Protein backbone atom coordinates (compact mmCIF):
# COMPACT_ATOMS: atom_id res chain seq x y z
CA UNK A 1 0.00 0.00 0.00
CA UNK A 2 1.47 3.43 -0.92
CA UNK A 3 2.03 5.88 1.95
CA UNK A 4 -0.65 8.43 2.75
CA UNK A 5 0.22 11.73 1.08
CA UNK A 6 0.43 14.96 3.06
CA UNK A 7 -1.86 17.58 1.56
CA UNK A 8 -2.52 20.42 4.02
CA UNK A 9 -5.26 22.94 3.26
CA UNK A 10 -4.07 26.09 1.52
CA UNK A 11 -4.12 28.20 4.69
CA UNK A 12 -1.77 25.72 6.43
CA UNK A 13 0.91 25.47 3.73
CA UNK A 14 3.30 28.07 5.10
CA UNK A 15 6.31 26.32 6.70
CA UNK A 16 6.59 28.82 9.56
CA UNK A 17 2.91 28.42 10.39
CA UNK A 18 3.34 24.64 10.35
CA UNK A 19 6.35 24.86 12.66
CA UNK A 20 4.87 27.32 15.15
CA UNK A 21 1.30 26.04 15.43
CA UNK A 22 2.46 22.71 16.87
CA UNK A 23 3.18 24.32 20.26
CA UNK A 24 0.73 27.23 20.62
CA UNK A 25 -2.97 27.74 21.18
CA UNK A 26 -5.39 26.48 20.00
CA UNK A 27 -3.36 23.38 19.11
CA UNK A 28 -2.21 23.02 22.73
CA UNK A 29 -5.79 22.95 23.96
CA UNK A 30 -6.87 20.33 21.43
CA UNK A 31 -3.89 18.07 22.20
CA UNK A 32 -4.40 18.45 25.96
CA UNK A 33 -8.00 17.33 25.58
CA UNK A 34 -7.13 14.38 23.34
CA UNK A 35 -4.31 13.20 25.61
CA UNK A 36 -6.18 13.15 28.93
CA UNK A 37 -6.46 9.36 29.00
CA UNK A 38 -2.78 8.99 28.09
CA UNK A 39 -1.67 11.29 30.91
CA UNK A 40 -4.00 9.60 33.42
CA UNK A 41 -2.59 6.18 32.49
CA UNK A 42 1.06 7.28 32.63
CA UNK A 43 3.31 6.46 35.55
CA UNK A 44 6.69 8.01 36.27
CA UNK A 45 9.73 5.81 35.67
CA UNK A 46 13.22 6.78 36.83
CA UNK A 47 15.67 5.16 34.44
CA UNK A 48 19.19 4.17 35.49
CA UNK A 49 21.38 4.88 32.44
CA UNK A 50 24.66 3.72 33.99
CA UNK A 51 27.56 5.78 35.37
CA UNK A 52 25.20 7.31 37.95
CA UNK A 53 23.04 9.06 35.33
CA UNK A 54 19.27 9.03 35.78
CA UNK A 55 16.58 10.11 33.31
CA UNK A 56 12.86 10.49 33.91
CA UNK A 57 10.21 8.94 31.69
CA UNK A 58 6.48 8.33 31.67
CA UNK A 59 5.17 4.85 30.83
CA UNK A 60 1.60 4.36 29.63
CA UNK A 61 0.61 0.74 29.00
CA UNK A 62 -2.27 -0.07 26.70
CA UNK A 63 -4.84 -2.49 28.17
CA UNK A 64 -5.18 -5.51 25.89
CA UNK A 65 -2.36 -4.07 23.78
CA UNK A 66 -0.35 -5.70 21.03
CA UNK A 67 2.79 -6.36 23.06
CA UNK A 68 4.80 -3.60 21.40
CA UNK A 69 6.50 -0.68 23.13
CA UNK A 70 7.35 2.64 21.48
CA UNK A 71 9.84 4.98 23.19
CA UNK A 72 9.42 8.66 22.25
CA UNK A 73 12.22 11.26 22.27
CA UNK A 74 11.44 15.00 22.14
CA UNK A 75 13.51 17.77 20.59
CA UNK A 76 15.88 20.32 22.16
CA UNK A 77 14.22 22.32 24.96
CA UNK A 78 11.06 20.26 24.56
CA UNK A 79 10.03 17.51 26.95
CA UNK A 80 7.95 14.39 27.31
CA UNK A 81 4.99 16.78 27.67
CA UNK A 82 5.59 18.56 24.34
CA UNK A 83 2.48 18.71 22.20
CA UNK A 84 3.89 16.67 19.32
CA UNK A 85 4.98 13.96 21.80
CA UNK A 86 1.61 13.84 23.53
CA UNK A 87 -0.19 13.83 20.19
CA UNK A 88 1.65 10.87 18.68
CA UNK A 89 1.63 9.04 22.03
CA UNK A 90 -2.15 9.36 22.16
CA UNK A 91 -2.50 7.88 18.68
CA UNK A 92 -0.04 5.08 19.41
CA UNK A 93 -1.75 4.05 22.63
CA UNK A 94 -5.13 4.21 20.89
CA UNK A 95 -3.76 1.78 18.29
CA UNK A 96 -2.65 -0.72 20.93
CA UNK A 97 0.96 0.27 21.60
CA UNK A 98 2.50 0.75 25.02
CA UNK A 99 4.22 4.14 25.13
CA UNK A 100 7.28 5.40 27.04
CA UNK A 101 7.89 9.16 26.83
CA UNK A 102 11.51 9.81 27.85
CA UNK A 103 12.92 13.16 28.98
CA UNK A 104 16.48 13.94 27.95
CA UNK A 105 18.79 15.28 30.67
CA UNK A 106 17.78 18.77 31.91
CA UNK A 107 14.50 18.67 29.99
CA UNK A 108 11.15 18.68 31.71
CA UNK A 109 11.32 18.66 35.53
CA UNK A 110 14.69 16.88 35.67
CA UNK A 111 17.39 19.48 36.27
CA UNK A 112 17.96 18.14 39.79
CA UNK A 113 18.64 14.54 38.74
CA UNK A 114 22.19 14.91 37.38
CA UNK A 115 24.83 17.51 38.29
CA UNK A 116 26.39 17.83 34.82
CA UNK A 117 24.76 20.03 32.18
CA UNK A 118 23.00 18.60 29.16
CA UNK A 119 24.69 18.74 25.81
CA UNK A 120 23.89 16.99 22.56
CA UNK A 121 26.92 14.67 22.52
CA UNK A 122 25.71 12.78 25.60
CA UNK A 123 24.70 9.78 23.50
CA UNK A 124 25.97 7.14 25.97
CA UNK A 125 23.30 7.93 28.55
CA UNK A 126 20.50 7.76 25.97
CA UNK A 127 21.80 4.40 24.76
CA UNK A 128 21.91 3.33 28.43
CA UNK A 129 18.34 4.51 28.96
CA UNK A 130 17.01 2.57 25.96
CA UNK A 131 18.92 -0.51 27.11
CA UNK A 132 17.38 -0.22 30.58
CA UNK A 133 13.87 0.27 29.18
CA UNK A 134 14.34 -2.83 27.01
CA UNK A 135 15.47 -4.76 30.10
CA UNK A 136 12.38 -3.66 32.07
CA UNK A 137 10.00 -4.73 29.33
CA UNK A 138 11.65 -7.81 27.82
CA UNK A 139 8.50 -9.22 26.23
CA UNK A 140 7.80 -6.11 24.16
CA UNK A 141 8.84 -5.50 20.57
CA UNK A 142 10.77 -2.23 20.92
CA UNK A 143 10.63 0.77 18.58
CA UNK A 144 12.06 4.28 18.98
CA UNK A 145 10.56 7.48 17.55
CA UNK A 146 12.37 10.81 17.84
CA UNK A 147 11.71 14.40 16.78
CA UNK A 148 14.30 17.01 15.75
CA UNK A 149 17.25 16.60 18.15
CA UNK A 150 15.43 13.56 19.52
CA UNK A 151 15.42 12.14 16.00
CA UNK A 152 19.16 12.72 15.80
CA UNK A 153 19.60 10.87 19.12
CA UNK A 154 17.32 8.06 17.91
CA UNK A 155 19.41 7.42 14.79
CA UNK A 156 22.64 7.48 16.80
CA UNK A 157 21.09 4.99 19.24
CA UNK A 158 20.19 2.77 16.28
CA UNK A 159 23.84 2.71 15.16
CA UNK A 160 24.96 1.64 18.65
CA UNK A 161 22.06 -0.68 19.55
CA UNK A 162 23.55 -4.00 18.32
CA UNK A 163 26.81 -3.50 20.20
CA UNK A 164 24.86 -2.49 23.31
CA UNK A 165 22.67 -5.59 23.12
CA UNK A 166 19.49 -3.56 22.62
CA UNK A 167 16.80 -5.54 20.74
CA UNK A 168 15.67 -2.48 18.83
CA UNK A 169 13.23 -3.44 16.07
CA UNK A 170 12.77 -0.10 14.35
CA UNK A 171 13.53 3.63 14.51
CA UNK A 172 11.58 6.56 13.07
CA UNK A 173 13.23 10.00 13.00
CA UNK A 174 11.03 13.02 12.26
CA UNK A 175 12.94 16.09 10.99
CA UNK A 176 16.17 15.03 12.72
CA UNK A 177 19.10 17.39 13.12
CA UNK A 178 21.50 16.31 10.36
CA UNK A 179 24.46 18.69 10.43
CA UNK A 180 24.32 20.73 13.66
CA UNK A 181 26.58 23.44 12.28
CA UNK A 182 24.14 24.11 9.44
CA UNK A 183 21.17 24.04 11.82
CA UNK A 184 22.96 26.54 14.07
CA UNK A 185 23.43 28.83 11.06
CA UNK A 186 19.73 28.57 10.22
CA UNK A 187 18.72 29.39 13.79
CA UNK A 188 21.21 32.24 14.15
CA UNK A 189 20.68 33.95 10.82
CA UNK A 190 17.21 32.83 9.71
CA UNK A 191 13.80 33.94 10.91
CA UNK A 192 14.32 35.68 14.26
CA UNK A 193 11.40 33.98 15.97
CA UNK A 194 13.19 30.61 16.17
CA UNK A 195 16.40 32.09 17.56
CA UNK A 196 14.51 34.08 20.20
CA UNK A 197 12.36 31.07 21.08
CA UNK A 198 15.34 28.80 21.73
CA UNK A 199 17.40 31.46 23.51
CA UNK A 200 14.51 32.15 25.88
CA UNK A 201 13.86 28.46 26.58
CA UNK A 202 17.55 27.67 27.02
CA UNK A 203 18.02 30.57 29.43
CA UNK A 204 15.10 29.32 31.53
CA UNK A 205 16.60 25.84 31.55
CA UNK A 206 20.01 27.11 32.64
CA UNK A 207 18.43 29.12 35.45
CA UNK A 208 16.66 25.97 36.67
CA UNK A 209 19.97 24.12 36.57
CA UNK A 210 21.67 26.82 38.61
CA UNK A 211 18.89 26.75 41.18
CA UNK A 212 19.18 22.95 41.43
CA UNK A 213 23.00 23.01 41.74
CA UNK A 214 23.90 26.49 43.08
CA UNK A 215 27.43 25.53 44.12
CA UNK A 216 28.41 24.10 40.73
CA UNK A 217 27.62 26.74 38.15
CA UNK A 218 28.46 30.35 37.52
CA UNK A 219 26.37 30.98 34.42
CA UNK A 220 26.21 34.78 34.49
CA UNK A 221 28.36 35.32 31.40
CA UNK A 222 26.52 32.66 29.43
CA UNK A 223 23.12 34.02 30.45
CA UNK A 224 24.05 37.54 29.35
CA UNK A 225 24.35 36.46 25.72
CA UNK A 226 21.42 36.65 23.30
CA UNK A 227 23.09 34.66 20.51
CA UNK A 228 22.91 30.87 20.27
CA UNK A 229 26.39 30.55 18.79
CA UNK A 230 27.99 32.56 21.59
CA UNK A 231 26.05 30.68 24.27
CA UNK A 232 26.99 27.33 22.77
CA UNK A 233 30.65 28.28 22.45
CA UNK A 234 30.79 29.27 26.12
CA UNK A 235 29.05 26.08 27.24
CA UNK A 236 31.41 23.97 25.13
CA UNK A 237 34.51 25.73 26.43
CA UNK A 238 33.56 25.48 30.10
CA UNK A 239 31.45 22.38 30.53
CA UNK A 240 31.50 19.97 27.58
CA UNK A 241 35.02 18.55 27.43
CA UNK A 242 35.25 19.46 23.74
CA UNK A 243 38.05 21.72 22.52
CA UNK A 244 35.82 24.13 20.61
CA UNK A 245 32.36 24.61 19.17
CA UNK A 246 33.35 23.11 15.81
CA UNK A 247 34.43 19.76 17.27
CA UNK A 248 31.36 19.73 19.51
CA UNK A 249 28.89 20.30 16.65
CA UNK A 250 30.69 17.70 14.55
CA UNK A 251 30.41 15.31 17.49
CA UNK A 252 26.70 14.76 17.00
CA UNK A 253 26.42 15.24 13.24
CA UNK A 254 24.87 12.27 11.42
CA UNK A 255 26.05 13.32 7.95
CA UNK A 256 29.01 11.68 6.26
CA UNK A 257 29.70 8.11 7.34
CA UNK A 258 27.95 8.35 10.71
CA UNK A 259 24.95 6.22 9.68
CA UNK A 260 26.88 3.81 7.45
CA UNK A 261 26.97 1.02 10.11
CA UNK A 262 23.16 0.96 10.48
CA UNK A 263 21.56 -2.46 10.60
CA UNK A 264 18.41 -1.58 12.57
CA UNK A 265 15.62 -0.57 10.15
CA UNK A 266 15.34 3.24 10.27
CA UNK A 267 12.85 5.56 8.59
CA UNK A 268 13.74 9.24 8.27
CA UNK A 269 10.81 11.55 7.53
CA UNK A 270 11.41 15.20 6.63
CA UNK A 271 9.73 18.18 4.99
CA UNK A 272 11.69 19.87 2.23
CA UNK A 273 10.50 23.28 3.45
CA UNK A 274 11.80 22.75 7.01
CA UNK A 275 12.97 26.22 8.13
CA UNK A 276 15.38 24.82 10.75
CA UNK A 277 16.94 21.69 9.22
CA UNK A 278 18.42 22.30 5.74
CA UNK A 279 16.97 19.61 3.46
CA UNK A 280 20.09 19.80 1.31
CA UNK A 281 21.99 17.97 4.05
CA UNK A 282 20.02 14.82 3.20
CA UNK A 283 22.33 14.34 0.21
CA UNK A 284 25.26 14.05 2.62
CA UNK A 285 23.87 11.05 4.51
CA UNK A 286 25.30 7.58 4.11
CA UNK A 287 22.92 5.22 2.34
CA UNK A 288 22.91 1.88 4.19
CA UNK A 289 20.21 -0.60 3.21
CA UNK A 290 18.62 -0.22 6.65
CA UNK A 291 17.86 3.50 6.12
CA UNK A 292 14.75 4.74 4.31
CA UNK A 293 14.50 8.47 3.63
CA UNK A 294 11.03 9.89 2.95
CA UNK A 295 10.53 13.53 2.05
CA UNK A 296 7.39 15.58 1.51
CA UNK A 297 7.30 19.04 0.00
CA UNK A 298 5.52 20.72 2.94
CA UNK A 299 5.28 20.32 6.68
CA UNK A 300 7.73 22.76 8.25
CA UNK A 301 9.72 21.60 11.26
CA UNK A 302 7.89 18.73 12.99
CA UNK A 303 4.57 20.24 11.91
CA UNK A 304 2.73 18.18 9.30
CA UNK A 305 -0.61 19.62 10.40
CA UNK A 306 -3.64 19.19 8.17
CA UNK A 307 -5.99 20.36 10.93
CA UNK A 308 -5.66 22.00 14.34
CA UNK A 309 -7.71 19.59 16.39
CA UNK A 310 -6.91 16.05 15.36
CA UNK A 311 -3.73 14.01 15.02
CA UNK A 312 -1.11 15.36 12.65
CA UNK A 313 -0.32 13.66 9.37
CA UNK A 314 3.04 12.66 10.91
CA UNK A 315 1.17 10.95 13.78
CA UNK A 316 -0.76 8.88 11.27
CA UNK A 317 2.35 8.23 9.18
CA UNK A 318 4.21 6.90 12.23
CA UNK A 319 1.38 4.40 12.74
CA UNK A 320 1.59 3.36 9.07
CA UNK A 321 5.35 2.86 9.23
CA UNK A 322 5.22 0.89 12.48
CA UNK A 323 2.31 -1.21 11.27
CA UNK A 324 4.06 -1.98 8.01
CA UNK A 325 7.19 -3.08 9.80
CA UNK A 326 5.17 -5.15 12.24
CA UNK A 327 3.37 -6.87 9.38
């Protein structure tokens, strides 16, 4: 069966509208209403990732489900409560899947759990988290779905899963960060609303971290900046262990040969009009047999809305991809 095509109404074709509407009213209200049963059924799970690292997740089993578990990873400065995560989780649980919404370090209400600051090269703890989740639910077929930076993490987990002994059946990455240096350029020099949005959210996150660990961090200089590049460079220099911002950004790029070792089936879904992730970077990905790349002309960044109230087209597409793999 051919995949469902994304055809938004004319008024929803603008990529910025697609990208922004996913997290503002009235979309927030509609998703909150649809996800009430999911939230009520969710229980907190503290995940031991190894090396003393702990991450917080929310597990929602499906009564009389199909014995399959989907782990969801949000994007940078999102959380397990982000609207796109709740929306797809609601659809998955309604279709019989158990759902585990995982918070990355220092996202959601987790700044107190680990003393070190989050950065995007902390792949070992996410691999450890997925391994622990697989251990807790050994009878479940395990899939991983990630959005934006979470999609980048998901694909890097897929590369490492066999060596880590993770029985990962499938990965879906929605608008993943491909080349972080190019994404940084888009955020810094593109439409101002995205830069201001992420600067504001990152500043709030850093303030929470300082309140949780007041004796560890002097963030005044970093918090004074209003530019993502300058903030990132300072964080890298002081807290990441990387020599400079260039080596740090290259450290979590998935272009070049990074995905060449893939053996876990992976499906990458991206809109060509994404205002944050340059679609041209898709040509710089390795092409292992395990990787399927699907592009659509519209959808913005993790938008794919064809209405405000119901599930997004991406929600429905995730179900199609998972169902096809399961079959």
